[in-house]
Amino acid sequence: MWQEFKECLLWTKSTSQCQYQVG
């Protein structure tokens, strides 16, 4: 899960875009 979250951050550069990954 965190793997995907960190990858999401790499592409979006925004935590708000990735909240659903850990929520």
PDB file of N, CA and C in Angstrom:
ATOM      1  N   MET A   1       0.841  -1.207   0.000  1.00  0.00           N
ATOM      2  CA  MET A   1       0.000   0.000   0.000  1.00  0.00           C
ATOM      3  C   MET A   1       0.875   1.255   0.000  1.00  0.00           C
ATOM      4  N   TRP A   2       1.858   1.292   0.918  1.00  0.00           N
ATOM      5  CA  TRP A   2       2.746   2.452   0.976  1.00  0.00           C
ATOM      6  C   TRP A   2       3.580   2.567  -0.280  1.00  0.00           C
ATOM      7  N   GLN A   3       3.871   1.412  -0.889  1.00  0.00           N
ATOM      8  CA  GLN A   3       4.611   1.408  -2.154  1.00  0.00           C
ATOM      9  C   GLN A   3       3.852   2.224  -3.195  1.00  0.00           C
ATOM     10  N   GLU A   4       2.558   1.960  -3.301  1.00  0.00           N
ATOM     11  CA  GLU A   4       1.723   2.669  -4.266  1.00  0.00           C
ATOM     12  C   GLU A   4       1.597   4.140  -3.901  1.00  0.00           C
ATOM     13  N   PHE A   5       1.503   4.401  -2.594  1.00  0.00           N
ATOM     14  CA  PHE A   5       1.376   5.775  -2.126  1.00  0.00           C
ATOM     15  C   PHE A   5       2.591   6.598  -2.518  1.00  0.00           C
ATOM     16  N   LYS A   6       3.770   6.031  -2.304  1.00  0.00           N
ATOM     17  CA  LYS A   6       5.005   6.747  -2.637  1.00  0.00           C
ATOM     18  C   LYS A   6       5.160   6.907  -4.140  1.00  0.00           C
ATOM     19  N   GLU A   7       4.722   5.915  -4.896  1.00  0.00           N
ATOM     20  CA  GLU A   7       4.767   6.031  -6.350  1.00  0.00           C
ATOM     21  C   GLU A   7       3.803   7.112  -6.816  1.00  0.00           C
ATOM     22  N   CYS A   8       2.662   7.192  -6.151  1.00  0.00           N
ATOM     23  CA  CYS A   8       1.678   8.227  -6.471  1.00  0.00           C
ATOM     24  C   CYS A   8       2.291   9.603  -6.249  1.00  0.00           C
ATOM     25  N   LEU A   9       3.007   9.760  -5.150  1.00  0.00           N
ATOM     26  CA  LEU A   9       3.658  11.036  -4.862  1.00  0.00           C
ATOM     27  C   LEU A   9       4.688  11.390  -5.919  1.00  0.00           C
ATOM     28  N   LEU A  10       5.372  10.383  -6.433  1.00  0.00           N
ATOM     29  CA  LEU A  10       6.388  10.632  -7.459  1.00  0.00           C
ATOM     30  C   LEU A  10       5.768  11.231  -8.712  1.00  0.00           C
ATOM     31  N   TRP A  11       4.556  10.777  -9.053  1.00  0.00           N
ATOM     32  CA  TRP A  11       3.928  11.229 -10.291  1.00  0.00           C
ATOM     33  C   TRP A  11       3.100  12.498 -10.082  1.00  0.00           C
ATOM     34  N   THR A  12       2.403  12.587  -8.949  1.00  0.00           N
ATOM     35  CA  THR A  12       1.490  13.707  -8.739  1.00  0.00           C
ATOM     36  C   THR A  12       2.148  14.879  -8.018  1.00  0.00           C
ATOM     37  N   LYS A  13       3.188  14.585  -7.221  1.00  0.00           N
ATOM     38  CA  LYS A  13       3.866  15.603  -6.413  1.00  0.00           C
ATOM     39  C   LYS A  13       2.888  16.293  -5.455  1.00  0.00           C
ATOM     40  N   SER A  14       1.806  15.583  -5.122  1.00  0.00           N
ATOM     41  CA  SER A  14       0.810  16.177  -4.239  1.00  0.00           C
ATOM     42  C   SER A  14       0.198  15.112  -3.334  1.00  0.00           C
ATOM     43  N   THR A  15       0.266  15.318  -2.029  1.00  0.00           N
ATOM     44  CA  THR A  15      -0.259  14.336  -1.088  1.00  0.00           C
ATOM     45  C   THR A  15      -1.781  14.256  -1.167  1.00  0.00           C
ATOM     46  N   SER A  16      -2.422  15.387  -1.467  1.00  0.00           N
ATOM     47  CA  SER A  16      -3.880  15.426  -1.540  1.00  0.00           C
ATOM     48  C   SER A  16      -4.403  14.527  -2.652  1.00  0.00           C
ATOM     49  N   GLN A  17      -3.571  14.308  -3.674  1.00  0.00           N
ATOM     50  CA  GLN A  17      -3.950  13.452  -4.790  1.00  0.00           C
ATOM     51  C   GLN A  17      -3.863  11.978  -4.396  1.00  0.00           C
ATOM     52  N   CYS A  18      -3.152  11.686  -3.310  1.00  0.00           N
ATOM     53  CA  CYS A  18      -2.858  10.305  -2.953  1.00  0.00           C
ATOM     54  C   CYS A  18      -3.486   9.885  -1.627  1.00  0.00           C
ATOM     55  N   GLN A  19      -4.273  10.761  -0.998  1.00  0.00           N
ATOM     56  CA  GLN A  19      -4.888  10.461   0.288  1.00  0.00           C
ATOM     57  C   GLN A  19      -5.683   9.161   0.255  1.00  0.00           C
ATOM     58  N   TYR A  20      -6.374   8.915  -0.860  1.00  0.00           N
ATOM     59  CA  TYR A  20      -7.228   7.735  -0.971  1.00  0.00           C
ATOM     60  C   TYR A  20      -6.416   6.443  -0.893  1.00  0.00           C
ATOM     61  N   GLN A  21      -5.124   6.551  -1.191  1.00  0.00           N
ATOM     62  CA  GLN A  21      -4.262   5.372  -1.189  1.00  0.00           C
ATOM     63  C   GLN A  21      -4.096   4.813   0.231  1.00  0.00           C
ATOM     64  N   VAL A  22      -4.088   5.695   1.227  1.00  0.00           N
ATOM     65  CA  VAL A  22      -3.849   5.277   2.596  1.00  0.00           C
ATOM     66  C   VAL A  22      -5.106   5.411   3.450  1.00  0.00           C
ATOM     67  N   GLY A  23      -6.144   6.028   2.887  1.00  0.00           N
ATOM     68  CA  GLY A  23      -7.384   6.224   3.610  1.00  0.00           C
ATOM     69  C   GLY A  23      -8.228   4.992   3.496  1.00  0.00           C
TER      70      GLY A  23
END
